[in-house]
């Protein structure tokens, strides 16, 4: 999905130690700008080392507090929105959409874990009420993941 879009700029929300960013770079995604944000100072430190490219910028920030003047061609989440409580998920979705000028790729857990920090959201329903066009939605209960690829209108 990402390769087909040929994004010139990518933001990964909740980048952790940089696994997805490194994967995208190693597999032929060649944007001029990549930014990763994470709330963990330790994860950002690990990401800088793991990715090892000075062109890739990493910032310690939560999603709502992330202030960036430019929009990104692609905004990516992987296992991030599932940690946002029900009363905050709408704001988080709005923020992600506001940061994207072209498309979103969201990969999120779709099963209830036995803890107090994982929340299950109806992403398709949440996104259908926004100014986006869901191009692809794959809900895989066996993997426990939802994949949403959407274009921002």
N, C-alpha and C. Protein backbone atom coordinates (compact mmCIF):
# COMPACT_ATOMS: atom_id res chain seq x y z
N UNK A 1 0.84 -1.19 0.00
CA UNK A 1 0.00 0.00 0.00
C UNK A 1 0.87 1.25 0.00
N UNK A 2 1.87 1.27 0.86
CA UNK A 2 2.73 2.46 0.98
C UNK A 2 3.53 2.66 -0.30
N UNK A 3 4.10 1.61 -0.84
CA UNK A 3 4.88 1.73 -2.08
C UNK A 3 4.04 2.27 -3.22
N UNK A 4 2.80 1.81 -3.33
CA UNK A 4 1.92 2.28 -4.41
C UNK A 4 1.65 3.78 -4.30
N UNK A 5 1.62 4.29 -3.10
CA UNK A 5 1.34 5.71 -2.89
C UNK A 5 2.55 6.60 -3.19
N UNK A 6 3.75 6.04 -3.14
CA UNK A 6 4.99 6.81 -3.33
C UNK A 6 4.99 8.12 -2.55
N UNK A 7 4.76 8.05 -1.23
CA UNK A 7 4.69 9.29 -0.46
C UNK A 7 6.02 10.02 -0.42
N UNK A 8 5.95 11.33 -0.49
CA UNK A 8 7.15 12.17 -0.36
C UNK A 8 7.43 12.47 1.11
N UNK A 9 6.42 12.31 1.96
CA UNK A 9 6.60 12.54 3.40
C UNK A 9 5.74 11.54 4.17
N UNK A 10 6.34 11.02 5.25
CA UNK A 10 5.67 10.02 6.09
C UNK A 10 5.81 10.43 7.55
N UNK A 11 4.72 10.28 8.29
CA UNK A 11 4.74 10.41 9.75
C UNK A 11 4.27 9.08 10.32
N UNK A 12 5.10 8.51 11.20
CA UNK A 12 4.64 7.34 11.95
C UNK A 12 4.35 7.79 13.38
N UNK A 13 3.12 7.62 13.79
CA UNK A 13 2.69 7.93 15.14
C UNK A 13 2.91 6.69 15.99
N UNK A 14 3.64 6.84 17.09
CA UNK A 14 3.94 5.69 17.93
C UNK A 14 4.97 4.79 17.29
N UNK A 15 6.08 5.38 16.87
CA UNK A 15 7.09 4.66 16.08
C UNK A 15 7.89 3.64 16.88
N UNK A 16 7.81 3.67 18.21
CA UNK A 16 8.58 2.72 19.00
C UNK A 16 10.05 2.82 18.68
N UNK A 17 10.70 1.67 18.50
CA UNK A 17 12.14 1.67 18.23
C UNK A 17 12.47 1.82 16.74
N UNK A 18 11.47 2.10 15.91
CA UNK A 18 11.72 2.39 14.51
C UNK A 18 11.57 1.24 13.54
N UNK A 19 11.02 0.14 14.00
CA UNK A 19 10.88 -1.07 13.16
C UNK A 19 10.18 -0.81 11.84
N UNK A 20 9.04 -0.13 11.87
CA UNK A 20 8.28 0.10 10.64
C UNK A 20 8.99 1.07 9.71
N UNK A 21 9.59 2.10 10.27
CA UNK A 21 10.32 3.07 9.44
C UNK A 21 11.49 2.39 8.74
N UNK A 22 12.25 1.60 9.47
CA UNK A 22 13.38 0.89 8.86
C UNK A 22 12.88 -0.07 7.78
N UNK A 23 11.79 -0.78 8.05
CA UNK A 23 11.21 -1.69 7.07
C UNK A 23 10.84 -0.95 5.79
N UNK A 24 10.17 0.19 5.92
CA UNK A 24 9.76 0.96 4.75
C UNK A 24 10.98 1.40 3.93
N UNK A 25 12.01 1.87 4.60
CA UNK A 25 13.23 2.31 3.91
C UNK A 25 13.89 1.13 3.20
N UNK A 26 14.02 0.02 3.89
CA UNK A 26 14.69 -1.16 3.32
C UNK A 26 13.91 -1.79 2.18
N UNK A 27 12.62 -1.49 2.10
CA UNK A 27 11.79 -2.11 1.07
C UNK A 27 11.35 -1.13 -0.01
N UNK A 28 12.18 -0.13 -0.25
CA UNK A 28 12.00 0.71 -1.42
C UNK A 28 11.14 1.94 -1.29
N UNK A 29 10.69 2.26 -0.08
CA UNK A 29 9.97 3.52 0.10
C UNK A 29 11.04 4.60 0.25
N UNK A 30 10.96 5.62 -0.56
CA UNK A 30 12.04 6.61 -0.58
C UNK A 30 11.50 8.04 -0.48
N UNK A 31 10.82 8.36 0.63
CA UNK A 31 10.31 9.72 0.77
C UNK A 31 11.44 10.69 1.10
N UNK A 32 11.23 11.96 0.83
CA UNK A 32 12.24 12.96 1.16
C UNK A 32 12.19 13.32 2.64
N UNK A 33 11.08 12.99 3.30
CA UNK A 33 10.93 13.32 4.72
C UNK A 33 10.23 12.19 5.46
N UNK A 34 10.86 11.71 6.53
CA UNK A 34 10.24 10.72 7.41
C UNK A 34 10.40 11.23 8.84
N UNK A 35 9.28 11.24 9.56
CA UNK A 35 9.29 11.62 10.97
C UNK A 35 8.61 10.52 11.76
N UNK A 36 9.20 10.17 12.88
CA UNK A 36 8.60 9.24 13.82
C UNK A 36 8.40 9.93 15.15
N UNK A 37 7.24 9.73 15.76
CA UNK A 37 7.01 10.26 17.10
C UNK A 37 6.63 9.12 18.03
N UNK A 38 7.01 9.27 19.29
CA UNK A 38 6.65 8.30 20.32
C UNK A 38 6.66 9.02 21.66
N UNK A 39 5.85 8.55 22.60
CA UNK A 39 5.81 9.20 23.91
C UNK A 39 6.98 8.79 24.79
N UNK A 40 7.69 7.75 24.39
CA UNK A 40 8.78 7.22 25.20
C UNK A 40 10.14 7.76 24.76
N UNK A 41 10.80 8.44 25.66
CA UNK A 41 12.15 8.95 25.38
C UNK A 41 13.09 7.80 25.05
N UNK A 42 12.96 6.70 25.77
CA UNK A 42 13.81 5.54 25.53
C UNK A 42 13.59 4.95 24.14
N UNK A 43 12.33 4.85 23.71
CA UNK A 43 12.04 4.32 22.37
C UNK A 43 12.62 5.23 21.28
N UNK A 44 12.53 6.53 21.46
CA UNK A 44 13.09 7.46 20.47
C UNK A 44 14.61 7.31 20.40
N UNK A 45 15.23 7.15 21.53
CA UNK A 45 16.68 6.93 21.56
C UNK A 45 17.05 5.65 20.80
N UNK A 46 16.29 4.58 21.05
CA UNK A 46 16.52 3.31 20.35
C UNK A 46 16.25 3.45 18.85
N UNK A 47 15.20 4.19 18.49
CA UNK A 47 14.84 4.36 17.08
C UNK A 47 15.95 5.08 16.32
N UNK A 48 16.51 6.12 16.89
CA UNK A 48 17.60 6.84 16.22
C UNK A 48 18.76 5.90 15.93
N UNK A 49 19.07 5.06 16.89
CA UNK A 49 20.18 4.11 16.72
C UNK A 49 19.81 3.00 15.72
N UNK A 50 18.62 2.44 15.86
CA UNK A 50 18.19 1.32 15.03
C UNK A 50 18.04 1.71 13.56
N UNK A 51 17.40 2.83 13.31
CA UNK A 51 17.19 3.28 11.92
C UNK A 51 18.50 3.77 11.33
N UNK A 52 19.28 4.52 12.11
CA UNK A 52 20.62 4.92 11.71
C UNK A 52 20.72 5.87 10.54
N UNK A 53 19.67 6.60 10.25
CA UNK A 53 19.70 7.57 9.15
C UNK A 53 19.41 8.94 9.72
N UNK A 54 20.35 9.85 9.54
CA UNK A 54 20.20 11.19 10.10
C UNK A 54 19.08 11.97 9.42
N UNK A 55 18.70 11.56 8.20
CA UNK A 55 17.61 12.23 7.49
C UNK A 55 16.26 11.97 8.15
N UNK A 56 16.14 10.85 8.85
CA UNK A 56 14.91 10.49 9.54
C UNK A 56 14.90 11.23 10.87
N UNK A 57 13.84 11.96 11.13
CA UNK A 57 13.72 12.75 12.36
C UNK A 57 12.80 12.04 13.34
N UNK A 58 13.19 12.05 14.59
CA UNK A 58 12.40 11.44 15.66
C UNK A 58 12.14 12.48 16.74
N UNK A 59 10.92 12.47 17.27
CA UNK A 59 10.53 13.41 18.31
C UNK A 59 9.79 12.68 19.42
N UNK A 60 10.03 13.11 20.64
CA UNK A 60 9.27 12.63 21.79
C UNK A 60 7.99 13.46 21.84
N UNK A 61 6.87 12.81 21.62
CA UNK A 61 5.60 13.52 21.64
C UNK A 61 4.45 12.52 21.67
N UNK A 62 3.36 12.94 22.28
CA UNK A 62 2.14 12.17 22.13
C UNK A 62 1.45 12.68 20.86
N UNK A 63 0.44 11.99 20.43
CA UNK A 63 -0.25 12.36 19.19
C UNK A 63 -0.92 13.72 19.29
N UNK A 64 -1.73 13.94 20.30
CA UNK A 64 -2.49 15.17 20.41
C UNK A 64 -1.56 16.37 20.58
N UNK A 65 -0.47 16.21 21.28
CA UNK A 65 0.46 17.30 21.52
C UNK A 65 1.44 17.56 20.39
N UNK A 66 1.45 16.70 19.37
CA UNK A 66 2.39 16.87 18.26
C UNK A 66 1.97 18.06 17.42
N UNK A 67 2.86 19.03 17.33
CA UNK A 67 2.57 20.26 16.60
C UNK A 67 3.53 20.35 15.41
N UNK A 68 3.01 20.19 14.24
CA UNK A 68 3.83 20.24 13.03
C UNK A 68 3.10 21.08 12.00
N UNK A 69 3.80 22.02 11.43
CA UNK A 69 3.15 22.96 10.50
C UNK A 69 2.79 22.34 9.16
N UNK A 70 3.60 21.42 8.70
CA UNK A 70 3.34 20.79 7.40
C UNK A 70 2.54 19.50 7.58
N UNK A 71 1.75 19.19 6.56
CA UNK A 71 1.03 17.92 6.54
C UNK A 71 1.88 16.88 5.82
N UNK A 72 1.56 15.63 6.06
CA UNK A 72 2.30 14.51 5.50
C UNK A 72 1.48 13.80 4.43
N UNK A 73 2.17 13.26 3.42
CA UNK A 73 1.48 12.48 2.40
C UNK A 73 0.85 11.23 3.01
N UNK A 74 1.54 10.65 3.99
CA UNK A 74 1.07 9.41 4.61
C UNK A 74 1.27 9.50 6.12
N UNK A 75 0.23 9.17 6.86
CA UNK A 75 0.32 9.03 8.31
C UNK A 75 0.04 7.56 8.62
N UNK A 76 0.94 6.96 9.42
CA UNK A 76 0.91 5.54 9.73
C UNK A 76 0.80 5.33 11.24
N UNK A 77 -0.07 4.42 11.65
CA UNK A 77 -0.08 3.94 13.04
C UNK A 77 -0.04 2.42 13.00
N UNK A 78 0.61 1.87 13.99
CA UNK A 78 0.63 0.41 14.13
C UNK A 78 0.61 0.11 15.63
N UNK A 79 -0.54 -0.26 16.11
CA UNK A 79 -0.66 -0.59 17.53
C UNK A 79 -0.60 0.62 18.44
N UNK A 80 -1.21 1.72 18.01
CA UNK A 80 -1.19 2.96 18.79
C UNK A 80 -2.59 3.33 19.26
N UNK A 81 -3.53 3.37 18.34
CA UNK A 81 -4.89 3.81 18.67
C UNK A 81 -5.55 2.87 19.67
N UNK A 82 -5.10 1.63 19.71
CA UNK A 82 -5.66 0.67 20.64
C UNK A 82 -5.34 1.01 22.09
N UNK A 83 -4.43 1.95 22.31
CA UNK A 83 -4.08 2.38 23.67
C UNK A 83 -4.75 3.69 24.05
N UNK A 84 -5.63 4.17 23.21
CA UNK A 84 -6.32 5.43 23.48
C UNK A 84 -7.73 5.13 23.98
N UNK A 85 -8.06 5.64 25.16
CA UNK A 85 -9.39 5.37 25.75
C UNK A 85 -10.53 5.89 24.87
N UNK A 86 -11.68 5.30 25.08
CA UNK A 86 -12.88 5.61 24.29
C UNK A 86 -13.19 7.11 24.27
N UNK A 87 -13.02 7.78 25.40
CA UNK A 87 -13.36 9.20 25.47
C UNK A 87 -12.35 10.11 24.77
N UNK A 88 -11.25 9.54 24.26
CA UNK A 88 -10.23 10.34 23.58
C UNK A 88 -9.99 9.91 22.13
N UNK A 89 -10.60 8.80 21.72
CA UNK A 89 -10.29 8.26 20.40
C UNK A 89 -10.74 9.17 19.26
N UNK A 90 -11.86 9.83 19.42
CA UNK A 90 -12.35 10.74 18.37
C UNK A 90 -11.34 11.86 18.13
N UNK A 91 -10.81 12.45 19.20
CA UNK A 91 -9.80 13.51 19.07
C UNK A 91 -8.53 12.97 18.41
N UNK A 92 -8.16 11.75 18.75
CA UNK A 92 -6.96 11.15 18.16
C UNK A 92 -7.14 10.93 16.65
N UNK A 93 -8.29 10.42 16.25
CA UNK A 93 -8.58 10.21 14.83
C UNK A 93 -8.57 11.56 14.10
N UNK A 94 -9.21 12.57 14.69
CA UNK A 94 -9.23 13.90 14.08
C UNK A 94 -7.81 14.45 13.90
N UNK A 95 -6.97 14.23 14.89
CA UNK A 95 -5.59 14.72 14.82
C UNK A 95 -4.82 14.01 13.70
N UNK A 96 -4.98 12.70 13.60
CA UNK A 96 -4.30 11.95 12.54
C UNK A 96 -4.73 12.47 11.16
N UNK A 97 -6.01 12.66 10.99
CA UNK A 97 -6.52 13.16 9.71
C UNK A 97 -5.98 14.55 9.43
N UNK A 98 -5.91 15.39 10.46
CA UNK A 98 -5.41 16.76 10.27
C UNK A 98 -3.94 16.80 9.89
N UNK A 99 -3.20 15.75 10.21
CA UNK A 99 -1.77 15.70 9.87
C UNK A 99 -1.50 15.13 8.48
N UNK A 100 -2.53 14.58 7.84
CA UNK A 100 -2.34 13.95 6.53
C UNK A 100 -2.96 14.79 5.42
N UNK A 101 -2.22 14.89 4.33
CA UNK A 101 -2.79 15.57 3.17
C UNK A 101 -3.22 14.57 2.09
N UNK A 102 -2.83 13.30 2.23
CA UNK A 102 -3.20 12.32 1.22
C UNK A 102 -3.82 11.05 1.78
N UNK A 103 -3.07 10.31 2.60
CA UNK A 103 -3.62 9.02 3.03
C UNK A 103 -3.17 8.60 4.42
N UNK A 104 -3.90 7.60 4.93
CA UNK A 104 -3.66 7.01 6.24
C UNK A 104 -3.52 5.51 6.08
N UNK A 105 -2.64 4.94 6.87
CA UNK A 105 -2.57 3.49 7.02
C UNK A 105 -2.58 3.22 8.52
N UNK A 106 -3.64 2.56 8.97
CA UNK A 106 -3.81 2.27 10.39
C UNK A 106 -3.85 0.76 10.56
N UNK A 107 -2.98 0.24 11.41
CA UNK A 107 -2.96 -1.19 11.71
C UNK A 107 -3.15 -1.30 13.22
N UNK A 108 -4.29 -1.82 13.62
CA UNK A 108 -4.66 -1.78 15.03
C UNK A 108 -5.27 -3.10 15.49
N UNK A 109 -5.08 -3.38 16.76
CA UNK A 109 -5.60 -4.59 17.39
C UNK A 109 -7.13 -4.57 17.39
N UNK A 110 -7.73 -5.73 17.16
CA UNK A 110 -9.20 -5.80 17.14
C UNK A 110 -9.76 -6.84 18.11
N UNK A 111 -9.00 -7.16 19.15
CA UNK A 111 -9.52 -8.08 20.16
C UNK A 111 -9.22 -7.50 21.54
N UNK A 112 -10.05 -7.86 22.49
CA UNK A 112 -9.91 -7.34 23.85
C UNK A 112 -8.81 -8.10 24.59
N UNK A 113 -7.79 -7.38 24.97
CA UNK A 113 -6.72 -7.98 25.78
C UNK A 113 -7.13 -7.93 27.25
N UNK A 114 -6.49 -8.72 28.03
CA UNK A 114 -6.81 -8.79 29.46
C UNK A 114 -5.93 -7.80 30.23
N UNK A 115 -6.18 -6.51 29.98
CA UNK A 115 -5.43 -5.47 30.69
C UNK A 115 -6.27 -4.19 30.72
N UNK A 116 -5.74 -3.17 31.36
CA UNK A 116 -6.47 -1.91 31.48
C UNK A 116 -5.96 -0.83 30.55
N UNK A 117 -5.11 -1.18 29.58
CA UNK A 117 -4.53 -0.16 28.70
C UNK A 117 -4.71 -0.49 27.22
N UNK A 118 -5.56 -1.43 26.92
CA UNK A 118 -5.88 -1.74 25.53
C UNK A 118 -7.39 -1.60 25.35
N UNK A 119 -7.75 -0.86 24.30
CA UNK A 119 -9.16 -0.57 24.04
C UNK A 119 -9.49 -0.98 22.61
N UNK A 120 -10.66 -1.52 22.44
CA UNK A 120 -11.11 -1.94 21.12
C UNK A 120 -12.06 -0.87 20.60
N UNK A 121 -11.75 -0.39 19.40
CA UNK A 121 -12.56 0.65 18.77
C UNK A 121 -13.10 0.14 17.44
N UNK A 122 -14.22 0.66 17.04
CA UNK A 122 -14.77 0.37 15.73
C UNK A 122 -14.20 1.41 14.76
N UNK A 123 -12.99 1.14 14.26
CA UNK A 123 -12.26 2.10 13.43
C UNK A 123 -13.02 2.45 12.16
N UNK A 124 -13.64 1.45 11.57
CA UNK A 124 -14.40 1.70 10.34
C UNK A 124 -15.53 2.70 10.59
N UNK A 125 -16.25 2.52 11.66
CA UNK A 125 -17.34 3.42 12.01
C UNK A 125 -16.79 4.82 12.34
N UNK A 126 -15.72 4.87 13.12
CA UNK A 126 -15.11 6.16 13.47
C UNK A 126 -14.66 6.92 12.22
N UNK A 127 -14.06 6.21 11.30
CA UNK A 127 -13.52 6.85 10.09
C UNK A 127 -14.61 7.20 9.09
N UNK A 128 -15.67 6.41 9.05
CA UNK A 128 -16.77 6.70 8.11
C UNK A 128 -17.44 8.04 8.39
N UNK A 129 -17.33 8.53 9.60
CA UNK A 129 -17.95 9.80 9.95
C UNK A 129 -17.02 10.99 9.65
N UNK A 130 -15.86 10.73 9.08
CA UNK A 130 -14.86 11.77 8.81
C UNK A 130 -14.75 12.04 7.31
N UNK A 131 -13.99 13.06 6.97
CA UNK A 131 -13.78 13.42 5.56
C UNK A 131 -12.63 12.60 4.97
N UNK A 132 -12.89 11.31 4.87
CA UNK A 132 -11.92 10.40 4.27
C UNK A 132 -12.68 9.37 3.44
N UNK A 133 -11.94 8.69 2.60
CA UNK A 133 -12.49 7.61 1.79
C UNK A 133 -11.72 6.34 2.13
N UNK A 134 -12.40 5.37 2.74
CA UNK A 134 -11.74 4.10 3.07
C UNK A 134 -11.58 3.31 1.78
N UNK A 135 -10.34 3.11 1.39
CA UNK A 135 -10.02 2.38 0.16
C UNK A 135 -9.97 0.88 0.43
N UNK A 136 -9.40 0.52 1.57
CA UNK A 136 -9.27 -0.89 1.90
C UNK A 136 -9.44 -1.06 3.40
N UNK A 137 -10.23 -2.05 3.77
CA UNK A 137 -10.41 -2.39 5.18
C UNK A 137 -10.32 -3.89 5.30
N UNK A 138 -9.35 -4.35 6.07
CA UNK A 138 -9.20 -5.78 6.31
C UNK A 138 -9.25 -6.02 7.81
N UNK A 139 -10.26 -6.72 8.25
CA UNK A 139 -10.35 -7.12 9.65
C UNK A 139 -10.02 -8.58 9.75
N UNK A 140 -8.95 -8.91 10.43
CA UNK A 140 -8.51 -10.29 10.53
C UNK A 140 -8.52 -10.71 11.99
N UNK A 141 -9.54 -11.44 12.39
CA UNK A 141 -9.67 -11.88 13.79
C UNK A 141 -8.59 -12.90 14.15
N UNK A 142 -8.17 -13.70 13.18
CA UNK A 142 -7.14 -14.70 13.46
C UNK A 142 -5.82 -14.02 13.83
N UNK A 143 -5.46 -12.96 13.09
CA UNK A 143 -4.26 -12.19 13.43
C UNK A 143 -4.52 -11.21 14.56
N UNK A 144 -5.79 -10.88 14.74
CA UNK A 144 -6.16 -9.91 15.78
C UNK A 144 -5.90 -8.48 15.38
N UNK A 145 -5.94 -8.21 14.08
CA UNK A 145 -5.61 -6.87 13.58
C UNK A 145 -6.64 -6.38 12.56
N UNK A 146 -6.82 -5.07 12.56
CA UNK A 146 -7.55 -4.37 11.51
C UNK A 146 -6.53 -3.55 10.73
N UNK A 147 -6.64 -3.57 9.41
CA UNK A 147 -5.82 -2.72 8.56
C UNK A 147 -6.77 -1.80 7.81
N UNK A 148 -6.52 -0.52 7.92
CA UNK A 148 -7.33 0.46 7.22
C UNK A 148 -6.42 1.33 6.37
N UNK A 149 -6.75 1.39 5.10
CA UNK A 149 -6.06 2.28 4.17
C UNK A 149 -7.11 3.26 3.69
N UNK A 150 -6.86 4.54 3.91
CA UNK A 150 -7.85 5.55 3.56
C UNK A 150 -7.20 6.77 2.94
N UNK A 151 -7.94 7.41 2.06
CA UNK A 151 -7.50 8.66 1.46
C UNK A 151 -8.22 9.81 2.13
N UNK A 152 -7.48 10.88 2.36
CA UNK A 152 -8.06 12.08 2.96
C UNK A 152 -8.69 12.90 1.85
N UNK A 153 -9.92 13.33 2.07
CA UNK A 153 -10.65 14.12 1.06
C UNK A 153 -10.36 15.60 1.20
